[in-house]
Amino acid sequence: MRIRPLLSIAAASLLAAAGLAGCGLGAGPTPKGATLLVTREFGSEQMLSRSSPKVHGSSTVMQLLSRNANVATKYSGGFVQSIDGHSGSDSGSAPFDWFYYINGLEAEQGASSVEVHEGDHIWWDLHNWGVTDHIPAVVGSFPEPFLDGLEGRKFPVKIGCDEPRSGPCHLVTQRLTALEVPSAFAEISPTLEAPETLALLVGTWSQLRGSPAAQLLEKGPAQSGVYARVLHGGKAIVPLDSRGEVTSSLGAGAGLIAATEYTNEGPVWIVTGTDEQGVQRAAKDFDAATLDGHFAVAISPSGRPIPLPQASG
């Protein structure tokens, strides 16, 4: 199956209302190793975390959620309205809704249509989508999707490095090797970003910006789904808040770990920095301890991880 972005809220609602959301499974083996995470505000507030959620037989994502939380739905049960009393809303200037990710990838269908597979990391988050309603991938489910892929299928991992023997590239490769995730080096080019492939770019911004996916980070979250921008030819990494407003500017020695997607091709993970020191810091923090539960992470010149988006003032 090709990895594709979630349908827009409006489109997903129409499909659910039309009865295309599916009615669930039930029979079949229980998927082992699935986890469930429910958060608010782009992962900043954890509501529920189950390393062994209640699941019986083959289950859809909606069934798994309903067995472990109090869920209210609309559109014939195909769209989540609230979880444990926390509801989405389109009133006022800040629209909020529930979005879900499987192994760090934004789901492509309603939760009633998607089956839970062995090892799946299911993450629901309630957040403001006024800046963008499409965040194709997040880093906070690491080591997914590198470890288990999607829909029970593992995908080839291609690492794009300007210099494969560089320290940052070596660090990132070591992390994947320790997880027994096979990978191969590839030239940084548009062909690196392809369907059914997980691309991982490692290097300074000047080395990576030839990639169409990387270039999206210069355009802001409406284009990249990442709440940061890379400015001044890569000399500054600018964290943004949930309203898309600038919170600070990080210069020499700063790094960034994020994930995006270019025109519905495969997802692209980016480990970069303003300079060699910055990308080295980012590569060092390419691990679950730093990334867990965050949509993206900037690294300050002092080495401090900064979850993205930052809290609004």
C-alpha atoms as a PDB file:
ATOM      1  CA  MET A   1       0.000   0.000   0.000  1.00  0.00           C
ATOM      2  CA  ARG A   2       1.252   3.451  -0.821  1.00  0.00           C
ATOM      3  CA  ILE A   3       1.747   5.728   2.172  1.00  0.00           C
ATOM      4  CA  ARG A   4      -0.520   8.726   1.702  1.00  0.00           C
ATOM      5  CA  PRO A   5      -1.761  11.611   3.866  1.00  0.00           C
ATOM      6  CA  LEU A   6      -4.999  11.683   5.846  1.00  0.00           C
ATOM      7  CA  LEU A   7      -8.062  12.850   4.014  1.00  0.00           C
ATOM      8  CA  SER A   8      -9.020  16.407   4.889  1.00  0.00           C
ATOM      9  CA  ILE A   9     -11.461  16.770   7.747  1.00  0.00           C
ATOM     10  CA  ALA A  10     -14.259  17.724   5.395  1.00  0.00           C
ATOM     11  CA  ALA A  11     -13.582  14.854   3.010  1.00  0.00           C
ATOM     12  CA  ALA A  12     -13.254  12.318   5.820  1.00  0.00           C
ATOM     13  CA  SER A  13     -16.526  13.487   7.301  1.00  0.00           C
ATOM     14  CA  LEU A  14     -18.311  13.114   3.968  1.00  0.00           C
ATOM     15  CA  LEU A  15     -17.007   9.589   3.497  1.00  0.00           C
ATOM     16  CA  ALA A  16     -18.050   8.605   6.980  1.00  0.00           C
ATOM     17  CA  ALA A  17     -21.505  10.110   6.482  1.00  0.00           C
ATOM     18  CA  ALA A  18     -21.820   8.170   3.257  1.00  0.00           C
ATOM     19  CA  GLY A  19     -21.234   4.926   5.139  1.00  0.00           C
ATOM     20  CA  LEU A  20     -17.736   4.256   3.823  1.00  0.00           C
ATOM     21  CA  ALA A  21     -16.027   4.246   7.208  1.00  0.00           C
ATOM     22  CA  GLY A  22     -16.383   0.499   7.722  1.00  0.00           C
ATOM     23  CA  CYS A  23     -17.982  -1.501  10.523  1.00  0.00           C
ATOM     24  CA  GLY A  24     -14.981  -3.044  12.243  1.00  0.00           C
ATOM     25  CA  LEU A  25     -13.530  -6.559  12.433  1.00  0.00           C
ATOM     26  CA  GLY A  26     -13.688  -8.679  15.585  1.00  0.00           C
ATOM     27  CA  ALA A  27     -12.626 -12.147  14.439  1.00  0.00           C
ATOM     28  CA  GLY A  28      -8.999 -13.059  13.976  1.00  0.00           C
ATOM     29  CA  PRO A  29      -5.831 -12.953  16.098  1.00  0.00           C
ATOM     30  CA  THR A  30      -5.203 -10.158  18.576  1.00  0.00           C
ATOM     31  CA  PRO A  31      -2.391  -7.845  17.357  1.00  0.00           C
ATOM     32  CA  LYS A  32       0.551  -8.056  19.747  1.00  0.00           C
ATOM     33  CA  GLY A  33       2.680  -5.144  20.898  1.00  0.00           C
ATOM     34  CA  ALA A  34       0.230  -2.380  19.958  1.00  0.00           C
ATOM     35  CA  THR A  35       0.376   0.800  22.052  1.00  0.00           C
ATOM     36  CA  LEU A  36      -2.063   3.673  22.506  1.00  0.00           C
ATOM     37  CA  LEU A  37      -1.232   7.304  23.260  1.00  0.00           C
ATOM     38  CA  VAL A  38      -3.774  10.120  23.660  1.00  0.00           C
ATOM     39  CA  THR A  39      -2.528  13.705  24.008  1.00  0.00           C
ATOM     40  CA  ARG A  40      -3.540  17.334  23.584  1.00  0.00           C
ATOM     41  CA  GLU A  41      -1.791  20.372  22.125  1.00  0.00           C
ATOM     42  CA  PHE A  42       0.635  18.583  19.806  1.00  0.00           C
ATOM     43  CA  GLY A  43       1.704  16.077  22.421  1.00  0.00           C
ATOM     44  CA  SER A  44       2.419  18.606  25.170  1.00  0.00           C
ATOM     45  CA  GLU A  45      -0.290  17.228  27.501  1.00  0.00           C
ATOM     46  CA  GLN A  46      -0.606  13.469  27.905  1.00  0.00           C
ATOM     47  CA  MET A  47      -4.109  12.167  28.635  1.00  0.00           C
ATOM     48  CA  LEU A  48      -3.708   8.413  28.227  1.00  0.00           C
ATOM     49  CA  SER A  49      -0.790   6.078  27.599  1.00  0.00           C
ATOM     50  CA  ARG A  50      -1.245   2.317  27.346  1.00  0.00           C
ATOM     51  CA  SER A  51       1.664   0.057  26.503  1.00  0.00           C
ATOM     52  CA  SER A  52      -0.768  -2.890  26.624  1.00  0.00           C
ATOM     53  CA  PRO A  53      -4.181  -1.492  25.654  1.00  0.00           C
ATOM     54  CA  LYS A  54      -7.330  -3.591  25.870  1.00  0.00           C
ATOM     55  CA  VAL A  55      -7.805  -5.321  22.540  1.00  0.00           C
ATOM     56  CA  HIS A  56      -9.707  -8.476  21.596  1.00  0.00           C
ATOM     57  CA  GLY A  57      -9.226 -10.158  18.263  1.00  0.00           C
ATOM     58  CA  SER A  58      -8.766  -8.183  15.066  1.00  0.00           C
ATOM     59  CA  SER A  59      -9.600  -4.571  15.841  1.00  0.00           C
ATOM     60  CA  THR A  60      -9.934  -1.275  14.057  1.00  0.00           C
ATOM     61  CA  VAL A  61      -8.263   1.842  15.423  1.00  0.00           C
ATOM     62  CA  MET A  62     -11.699   3.082  16.516  1.00  0.00           C
ATOM     63  CA  GLN A  63     -12.456  -0.142  18.381  1.00  0.00           C
ATOM     64  CA  LEU A  64      -9.099  -0.037  20.131  1.00  0.00           C
ATOM     65  CA  LEU A  65      -9.704   3.547  21.227  1.00  0.00           C
ATOM     66  CA  SER A  66     -13.276   2.839  22.375  1.00  0.00           C
ATOM     67  CA  ARG A  67     -12.157  -0.093  24.535  1.00  0.00           C
ATOM     68  CA  ASN A  68      -9.638   2.074  26.358  1.00  0.00           C
ATOM     69  CA  ALA A  69     -11.300   5.491  26.592  1.00  0.00           C
ATOM     70  CA  ASN A  70     -14.718   7.141  26.698  1.00  0.00           C
ATOM     71  CA  VAL A  71     -15.311   8.123  23.073  1.00  0.00           C
ATOM     72  CA  ALA A  72     -18.081  10.148  21.443  1.00  0.00           C
ATOM     73  CA  THR A  73     -18.387  10.058  17.655  1.00  0.00           C
ATOM     74  CA  LYS A  74     -20.346  11.721  14.887  1.00  0.00           C
ATOM     75  CA  TYR A  75     -21.034  11.102  11.205  1.00  0.00           C
ATOM     76  CA  SER A  76     -22.316   7.555  11.777  1.00  0.00           C
ATOM     77  CA  GLY A  77     -19.456   6.717  14.113  1.00  0.00           C
ATOM     78  CA  GLY A  78     -16.689   7.432  11.628  1.00  0.00           C
ATOM     79  CA  PHE A  79     -15.357  10.648  13.166  1.00  0.00           C
ATOM     80  CA  VAL A  80     -14.145  11.159  16.753  1.00  0.00           C
ATOM     81  CA  GLN A  81     -15.799  14.131  18.427  1.00  0.00           C
ATOM     82  CA  SER A  82     -14.447  13.682  21.965  1.00  0.00           C
ATOM     83  CA  ILE A  83     -12.158  11.449  24.007  1.00  0.00           C
ATOM     84  CA  ASP A  84     -12.676  11.307  27.767  1.00  0.00           C
ATOM     85  CA  GLY A  85     -14.751  14.478  27.569  1.00  0.00           C
ATOM     86  CA  HIS A  86     -12.271  16.535  25.533  1.00  0.00           C
ATOM     87  CA  SER A  87     -14.007  17.694  22.367  1.00  0.00           C
ATOM     88  CA  GLY A  88     -13.071  19.210  19.078  1.00  0.00           C
ATOM     89  CA  SER A  89     -14.628  22.513  18.104  1.00  0.00           C
ATOM     90  CA  ASP A  90     -14.726  24.730  15.031  1.00  0.00           C
ATOM     91  CA  SER A  91     -16.070  27.762  16.854  1.00  0.00           C
ATOM     92  CA  GLY A  92     -14.073  30.965  17.232  1.00  0.00           C
ATOM     93  CA  SER A  93     -10.741  31.678  15.595  1.00  0.00           C
ATOM     94  CA  ALA A  94      -8.987  28.455  16.657  1.00  0.00           C
ATOM     95  CA  PRO A  95     -10.526  25.240  15.248  1.00  0.00           C
ATOM     96  CA  PHE A  96      -9.657  22.118  17.261  1.00  0.00           C
ATOM     97  CA  ASP A  97     -10.132  18.481  16.270  1.00  0.00           C
ATOM     98  CA  TRP A  98      -8.795  15.012  16.950  1.00  0.00           C
ATOM     99  CA  PHE A  99      -6.153  13.657  14.561  1.00  0.00           C
ATOM    100  CA  TYR A 100      -4.475  10.264  14.714  1.00  0.00           C
ATOM    101  CA  TYR A 101      -1.168   8.824  13.586  1.00  0.00           C
ATOM    102  CA  ILE A 102      -0.065   5.229  13.125  1.00  0.00           C
ATOM    103  CA  ASN A 103       3.641   4.657  13.659  1.00  0.00           C
ATOM    104  CA  GLY A 104       4.228   8.371  13.223  1.00  0.00           C
ATOM    105  CA  LEU A 105       2.341   8.653   9.921  1.00  0.00           C
ATOM    106  CA  GLU A 106      -0.870  10.608   9.540  1.00  0.00           C
ATOM    107  CA  ALA A 107      -3.654   8.125   8.804  1.00  0.00           C
ATOM    108  CA  GLU A 108      -5.229   8.092   5.383  1.00  0.00           C
ATOM    109  CA  GLN A 109      -8.721   6.860   6.363  1.00  0.00           C
ATOM    110  CA  GLY A 110     -11.302   7.146   9.118  1.00  0.00           C
ATOM    111  CA  ALA A 111     -10.455   5.193  12.271  1.00  0.00           C
ATOM    112  CA  SER A 112     -13.344   2.758  11.715  1.00  0.00           C
ATOM    113  CA  SER A 113     -11.718   1.590   8.475  1.00  0.00           C
ATOM    114  CA  VAL A 114      -8.153   1.014   9.637  1.00  0.00           C
ATOM    115  CA  GLU A 115      -7.034  -2.281  11.165  1.00  0.00           C
ATOM    116  CA  VAL A 116      -4.557  -2.406  14.044  1.00  0.00           C
ATOM    117  CA  HIS A 117      -1.466  -4.481  13.238  1.00  0.00           C
ATOM    118  CA  GLU A 118       1.205  -6.011  15.412  1.00  0.00           C
ATOM    119  CA  GLY A 119       3.508  -3.399  16.936  1.00  0.00           C
ATOM    120  CA  ASP A 120       1.383  -0.420  15.853  1.00  0.00           C
ATOM    121  CA  HIS A 121       1.854   2.785  17.830  1.00  0.00           C
ATOM    122  CA  ILE A 122      -1.543   4.537  17.720  1.00  0.00           C
ATOM    123  CA  TRP A 123      -1.392   8.214  18.676  1.00  0.00           C
ATOM    124  CA  TRP A 124      -4.416  10.504  18.973  1.00  0.00           C
ATOM    125  CA  ASP A 125      -3.893  14.227  19.474  1.00  0.00           C
ATOM    126  CA  LEU A 126      -6.356  17.096  19.913  1.00  0.00           C
ATOM    127  CA  HIS A 127      -4.924  20.288  18.458  1.00  0.00           C
ATOM    128  CA  ASN A 128      -5.529  23.565  16.698  1.00  0.00           C
ATOM    129  CA  TRP A 129      -5.501  23.076  12.928  1.00  0.00           C
ATOM    130  CA  GLY A 130      -5.950  26.739  12.030  1.00  0.00           C
ATOM    131  CA  VAL A 131      -2.421  26.899  10.624  1.00  0.00           C
ATOM    132  CA  THR A 132      -2.530  23.540   8.831  1.00  0.00           C
ATOM    133  CA  ASP A 133      -4.851  20.520   8.800  1.00  0.00           C
ATOM    134  CA  HIS A 134      -2.185  18.284   7.269  1.00  0.00           C
ATOM    135  CA  ILE A 135       0.808  17.105   9.288  1.00  0.00           C
ATOM    136  CA  PRO A 136       1.964  14.135   7.216  1.00  0.00           C
ATOM    137  CA  ALA A 137       4.404  12.684   9.738  1.00  0.00           C
ATOM    138  CA  VAL A 138       5.650  13.214  13.278  1.00  0.00           C
ATOM    139  CA  VAL A 139       8.882  12.108  14.947  1.00  0.00           C
ATOM    140  CA  GLY A 140       7.481  11.271  18.383  1.00  0.00           C
ATOM    141  CA  SER A 141       6.691   7.611  17.678  1.00  0.00           C
ATOM    142  CA  PHE A 142      10.371   6.758  17.062  1.00  0.00           C
ATOM    143  CA  PRO A 143      11.619   4.084  16.385  1.00  0.00           C
ATOM    144  CA  GLU A 144       8.482   3.844  14.279  1.00  0.00           C
ATOM    145  CA  PRO A 145       7.867   3.671  11.387  1.00  0.00           C
ATOM    146  CA  PHE A 146      11.423   2.470  10.720  1.00  0.00           C
ATOM    147  CA  LEU A 147      10.884  -0.591  12.916  1.00  0.00           C
ATOM    148  CA  ASP A 148       7.457  -1.882  11.864  1.00  0.00           C
ATOM    149  CA  GLY A 149       6.388   0.235   8.880  1.00  0.00           C
ATOM    150  CA  LEU A 150       2.667   0.531   8.201  1.00  0.00           C
ATOM    151  CA  GLU A 151      -0.215  -1.927   7.833  1.00  0.00           C
ATOM    152  CA  GLY A 152       2.053  -4.746   8.955  1.00  0.00           C
ATOM    153  CA  ARG A 153       4.569  -4.023   6.179  1.00  0.00           C
ATOM    154  CA  LYS A 154       8.105  -2.803   6.631  1.00  0.00           C
ATOM    155  CA  PHE A 155       9.478  -0.326   4.112  1.00  0.00           C
ATOM    156  CA  PRO A 156      12.984   0.184   2.716  1.00  0.00           C
ATOM    157  CA  VAL A 157      14.946   2.876   4.536  1.00  0.00           C
ATOM    158  CA  LYS A 158      17.187   5.095   2.413  1.00  0.00           C
ATOM    159  CA  ILE A 159      19.594   7.466   4.149  1.00  0.00           C
ATOM    160  CA  GLY A 160      20.616  10.513   2.177  1.00  0.00           C
ATOM    161  CA  CYS A 161      23.962  11.873   3.320  1.00  0.00           C
ATOM    162  CA  ASP A 162      26.280  14.251   1.520  1.00  0.00           C
ATOM    163  CA  GLU A 163      29.122  12.356   3.168  1.00  0.00           C
ATOM    164  CA  PRO A 164      28.134   8.868   4.455  1.00  0.00           C
ATOM    165  CA  ARG A 165      31.268   8.681   6.616  1.00  0.00           C
ATOM    166  CA  SER A 166      30.499  11.903   8.452  1.00  0.00           C
ATOM    167  CA  GLY A 167      29.902  11.832  12.213  1.00  0.00           C
ATOM    168  CA  PRO A 168      26.174  12.709  12.054  1.00  0.00           C
ATOM    169  CA  CYS A 169      25.451  10.150   9.333  1.00  0.00           C
ATOM    170  CA  HIS A 170      27.364   7.506  11.273  1.00  0.00           C
ATOM    171  CA  LEU A 171      25.387   8.286  14.459  1.00  0.00           C
ATOM    172  CA  VAL A 172      22.013   8.018  12.726  1.00  0.00           C
ATOM    173  CA  THR A 173      23.007   4.789  10.992  1.00  0.00           C
ATOM    174  CA  GLN A 174      24.176   3.341  14.313  1.00  0.00           C
ATOM    175  CA  ARG A 175      20.776   4.071  15.892  1.00  0.00           C
ATOM    176  CA  LEU A 176      18.968   2.179  13.146  1.00  0.00           C
ATOM    177  CA  THR A 177      21.473  -0.677  13.184  1.00  0.00           C
ATOM    178  CA  ALA A 178      20.978  -1.077  16.948  1.00  0.00           C
ATOM    179  CA  LEU A 179      17.264  -1.529  16.222  1.00  0.00           C
ATOM    180  CA  GLU A 180      18.086  -4.100  13.524  1.00  0.00           C
ATOM    181  CA  VAL A 181      16.617  -1.811  10.892  1.00  0.00           C
ATOM    182  CA  PRO A 182      18.398  -2.334   7.555  1.00  0.00           C
ATOM    183  CA  SER A 183      19.162   0.800   5.574  1.00  0.00           C
ATOM    184  CA  ALA A 184      21.046   1.878   2.488  1.00  0.00           C
ATOM    185  CA  PHE A 185      22.764   5.111   1.504  1.00  0.00           C
ATOM    186  CA  ALA A 186      21.434   7.094  -1.426  1.00  0.00           C
ATOM    187  CA  GLU A 187      22.233  10.339  -3.158  1.00  0.00           C
ATOM    188  CA  ILE A 188      20.335  13.379  -1.902  1.00  0.00           C
ATOM    189  CA  SER A 189      18.000  13.988  -4.820  1.00  0.00           C
ATOM    190  CA  PRO A 190      14.280  14.086  -5.683  1.00  0.00           C
ATOM    191  CA  THR A 191      14.413  10.374  -6.532  1.00  0.00           C
ATOM    192  CA  LEU A 192      15.205   9.601  -2.890  1.00  0.00           C
ATOM    193  CA  GLU A 193      11.628  10.554  -1.995  1.00  0.00           C
ATOM    194  CA  ALA A 194       9.444   7.779  -3.370  1.00  0.00           C
ATOM    195  CA  PRO A 195       6.271   5.841  -2.514  1.00  0.00           C
ATOM    196  CA  GLU A 196       6.675   2.905  -0.130  1.00  0.00           C
ATOM    197  CA  THR A 197      10.088   4.168   0.945  1.00  0.00           C
ATOM    198  CA  LEU A 198      11.181   5.837   4.162  1.00  0.00           C
ATOM    199  CA  ALA A 199      13.735   8.519   3.365  1.00  0.00           C
ATOM    200  CA  LEU A 200      16.019   9.939   6.044  1.00  0.00           C
ATOM    201  CA  LEU A 201      18.095  13.019   5.172  1.00  0.00           C
ATOM    202  CA  VAL A 202      21.109  13.828   7.333  1.00  0.00           C
ATOM    203  CA  GLY A 203      23.282  16.895   6.866  1.00  0.00           C
ATOM    204  CA  THR A 204      23.603  20.636   7.196  1.00  0.00           C
ATOM    205  CA  TRP A 205      20.870  22.678   5.590  1.00  0.00           C
ATOM    206  CA  SER A 206      23.139  23.730   2.753  1.00  0.00           C
ATOM    207  CA  GLN A 207      23.667  20.033   1.980  1.00  0.00           C
ATOM    208  CA  LEU A 208      19.980  19.079   2.153  1.00  0.00           C
ATOM    209  CA  ARG A 209      18.116  21.961   0.595  1.00  0.00           C
ATOM    210  CA  GLY A 210      18.354  20.426  -2.878  1.00  0.00           C
ATOM    211  CA  SER A 211      15.694  17.974  -1.711  1.00  0.00           C
ATOM    212  CA  PRO A 212      12.130  19.104  -2.583  1.00  0.00           C
ATOM    213  CA  ALA A 213      10.891  17.813   0.777  1.00  0.00           C
ATOM    214  CA  ALA A 214      13.563  19.716   2.693  1.00  0.00           C
ATOM    215  CA  GLN A 215      12.722  22.907   0.830  1.00  0.00           C
ATOM    216  CA  LEU A 216       9.228  22.778   2.334  1.00  0.00           C
ATOM    217  CA  LEU A 217      10.755  23.666   5.717  1.00  0.00           C
ATOM    218  CA  GLU A 218      11.613  27.087   4.361  1.00  0.00           C
ATOM    219  CA  LYS A 219       7.911  27.725   3.659  1.00  0.00           C
ATOM    220  CA  GLY A 220       6.363  27.068   7.071  1.00  0.00           C
ATOM    221  CA  PRO A 221       3.846  24.573   8.511  1.00  0.00           C
ATOM    222  CA  ALA A 222       1.116  25.202   5.929  1.00  0.00           C
ATOM    223  CA  GLN A 223       3.453  23.579   3.380  1.00  0.00           C
ATOM    224  CA  SER A 224       5.617  21.240   5.485  1.00  0.00           C
ATOM    225  CA  GLY A 225       3.428  20.368   8.464  1.00  0.00           C
ATOM    226  CA  VAL A 226       6.424  21.288  10.656  1.00  0.00           C
ATOM    227  CA  TYR A 227       6.154  24.157  13.140  1.00  0.00           C
ATOM    228  CA  ALA A 228       9.551  25.619  12.327  1.00  0.00           C
ATOM    229  CA  ARG A 229      11.129  27.416   9.410  1.00  0.00           C
ATOM    230  CA  VAL A 230      14.668  27.367   8.114  1.00  0.00           C
ATOM    231  CA  LEU A 231      15.691  30.878   7.086  1.00  0.00           C
ATOM    232  CA  HIS A 232      18.641  32.905   5.788  1.00  0.00           C
ATOM    233  CA  GLY A 233      19.940  30.094   3.618  1.00  0.00           C
ATOM    234  CA  GLY A 234      20.034  27.695   6.531  1.00  0.00           C
ATOM    235  CA  LYS A 235      21.801  29.980   8.994  1.00  0.00           C
ATOM    236  CA  ALA A 236      18.737  30.200  11.263  1.00  0.00           C
ATOM    237  CA  ILE A 237      16.181  27.669  12.531  1.00  0.00           C
ATOM    238  CA  VAL A 238      13.047  29.469  13.710  1.00  0.00           C
ATOM    239  CA  PRO A 239      10.691  27.611  16.096  1.00  0.00           C
ATOM    240  CA  LEU A 240       6.986  28.476  15.790  1.00  0.00           C
ATOM    241  CA  ASP A 241       4.055  28.194  18.173  1.00  0.00           C
ATOM    242  CA  SER A 242       0.714  26.538  17.414  1.00  0.00           C
ATOM    243  CA  ARG A 243      -0.512  29.765  15.788  1.00  0.00           C
ATOM    244  CA  GLY A 244       2.452  29.724  13.424  1.00  0.00           C
ATOM    245  CA  GLU A 245       4.090  32.698  15.135  1.00  0.00           C
ATOM    246  CA  VAL A 246       7.836  33.009  15.693  1.00  0.00           C
ATOM    247  CA  THR A 247       8.974  32.293  19.256  1.00  0.00           C
ATOM    248  CA  SER A 248      12.751  32.588  18.821  1.00  0.00           C
ATOM    249  CA  SER A 249      15.567  32.294  16.284  1.00  0.00           C
ATOM    250  CA  LEU A 250      18.343  29.738  16.659  1.00  0.00           C
ATOM    251  CA  GLY A 251      21.642  30.459  14.942  1.00  0.00           C
ATOM    252  CA  ALA A 252      25.040  28.786  14.778  1.00  0.00           C
ATOM    253  CA  GLY A 253      25.105  25.334  16.361  1.00  0.00           C
ATOM    254  CA  ALA A 254      21.326  24.767  16.174  1.00  0.00           C
ATOM    255  CA  GLY A 255      19.681  21.578  14.917  1.00  0.00           C
ATOM    256  CA  LEU A 256      16.314  20.226  13.849  1.00  0.00           C
ATOM    257  CA  ILE A 257      14.671  16.793  13.706  1.00  0.00           C
ATOM    258  CA  ALA A 258      11.408  16.742  11.755  1.00  0.00           C
ATOM    259  CA  ALA A 259       9.375  14.757   9.251  1.00  0.00           C
ATOM    260  CA  THR A 260       7.398  15.885   6.226  1.00  0.00           C
ATOM    261  CA  GLU A 261       6.241  14.726   2.801  1.00  0.00           C
ATOM    262  CA  TYR A 262       6.474  16.141  -0.697  1.00  0.00           C
ATOM    263  CA  THR A 263       3.431  15.868  -3.020  1.00  0.00           C
ATOM    264  CA  ASN A 264       2.143  12.580  -1.630  1.00  0.00           C
ATOM    265  CA  GLU A 265       5.422  10.759  -2.111  1.00  0.00           C
ATOM    266  CA  GLY A 266       6.894   8.748   0.746  1.00  0.00           C
ATOM    267  CA  PRO A 267       7.512  10.465   4.108  1.00  0.00           C
ATOM    268  CA  VAL A 268      10.892  12.104   4.644  1.00  0.00           C
ATOM    269  CA  TRP A 269      12.658  12.426   7.995  1.00  0.00           C
ATOM    270  CA  ILE A 270      15.143  15.291   8.256  1.00  0.00           C
ATOM    271  CA  VAL A 271      18.056  15.523  10.686  1.00  0.00           C
ATOM    272  CA  THR A 272      19.742  18.839   9.999  1.00  0.00           C
ATOM    273  CA  GLY A 273      21.449  21.886  11.443  1.00  0.00           C
ATOM    274  CA  THR A 274      22.644  25.368  10.659  1.00  0.00           C
ATOM    275  CA  ASP A 275      26.208  24.023  10.477  1.00  0.00           C
ATOM    276  CA  GLU A 276      28.238  20.899  11.200  1.00  0.00           C
ATOM    277  CA  GLN A 277      27.946  21.375  14.953  1.00  0.00           C
ATOM    278  CA  GLY A 278      24.176  21.784  14.686  1.00  0.00           C
ATOM    279  CA  VAL A 279      23.581  18.643  12.648  1.00  0.00           C
ATOM    280  CA  GLN A 280      25.893  16.737  14.992  1.00  0.00           C
ATOM    281  CA  ARG A 281      23.670  17.807  17.918  1.00  0.00           C
ATOM    282  CA  ALA A 282      20.551  16.771  16.011  1.00  0.00           C
ATOM    283  CA  ALA A 283      22.025  13.370  15.125  1.00  0.00           C
ATOM    284  CA  LYS A 284      22.979  12.790  18.760  1.00  0.00           C
ATOM    285  CA  ASP A 285      19.347  13.371  19.755  1.00  0.00           C
ATOM    286  CA  PHE A 286      17.923  11.085  17.084  1.00  0.00           C
ATOM    287  CA  ASP A 287      16.564   8.672  19.707  1.00  0.00           C
ATOM    288  CA  ALA A 288      13.353   7.819  21.540  1.00  0.00           C
ATOM    289  CA  ALA A 289      14.416   9.563  24.741  1.00  0.00           C
ATOM    290  CA  THR A 290      14.469  12.961  23.001  1.00  0.00           C
ATOM    291  CA  LEU A 291      11.743  12.500  20.403  1.00  0.00           C
ATOM    292  CA  ASP A 292       9.070  10.614  22.348  1.00  0.00           C
ATOM    293  CA  GLY A 293       5.679  12.331  22.191  1.00  0.00           C
ATOM    294  CA  HIS A 294       6.813  15.331  20.121  1.00  0.00           C
ATOM    295  CA  PHE A 295       5.712  16.324  16.637  1.00  0.00           C
ATOM    296  CA  ALA A 296       9.172  17.724  15.848  1.00  0.00           C
ATOM    297  CA  VAL A 297      12.184  18.877  17.876  1.00  0.00           C
ATOM    298  CA  ALA A 298      14.596  21.769  17.448  1.00  0.00           C
ATOM    299  CA  ILE A 299      17.976  21.678  19.212  1.00  0.00           C
ATOM    300  CA  SER A 300      19.289  24.933  20.669  1.00  0.00           C
ATOM    301  CA  PRO A 301      22.973  25.904  20.273  1.00  0.00           C
ATOM    302  CA  SER A 302      23.431  24.868  23.914  1.00  0.00           C
ATOM    303  CA  GLY A 303      22.072  21.396  23.116  1.00  0.00           C
ATOM    304  CA  ARG A 304      18.613  21.854  24.691  1.00  0.00           C
ATOM    305  CA  PRO A 305      15.769  20.023  22.905  1.00  0.00           C
ATOM    306  CA  ILE A 306      12.830  22.309  22.026  1.00  0.00           C
ATOM    307  CA  PRO A 307       9.528  20.495  21.307  1.00  0.00           C
ATOM    308  CA  LEU A 308       7.628  21.871  18.318  1.00  0.00           C
ATOM    309  CA  PRO A 309       5.324  23.631  18.102  1.00  0.00           C
ATOM    310  CA  GLN A 310       6.140  25.660  21.183  1.00  0.00           C
ATOM    311  CA  ALA A 311       3.359  26.627  23.565  1.00  0.00           C
ATOM    312  CA  SER A 312       1.516  29.791  22.577  1.00  0.00           C
ATOM    313  CA  GLY A 313       2.068  32.761  24.844  1.00  0.00           C
END
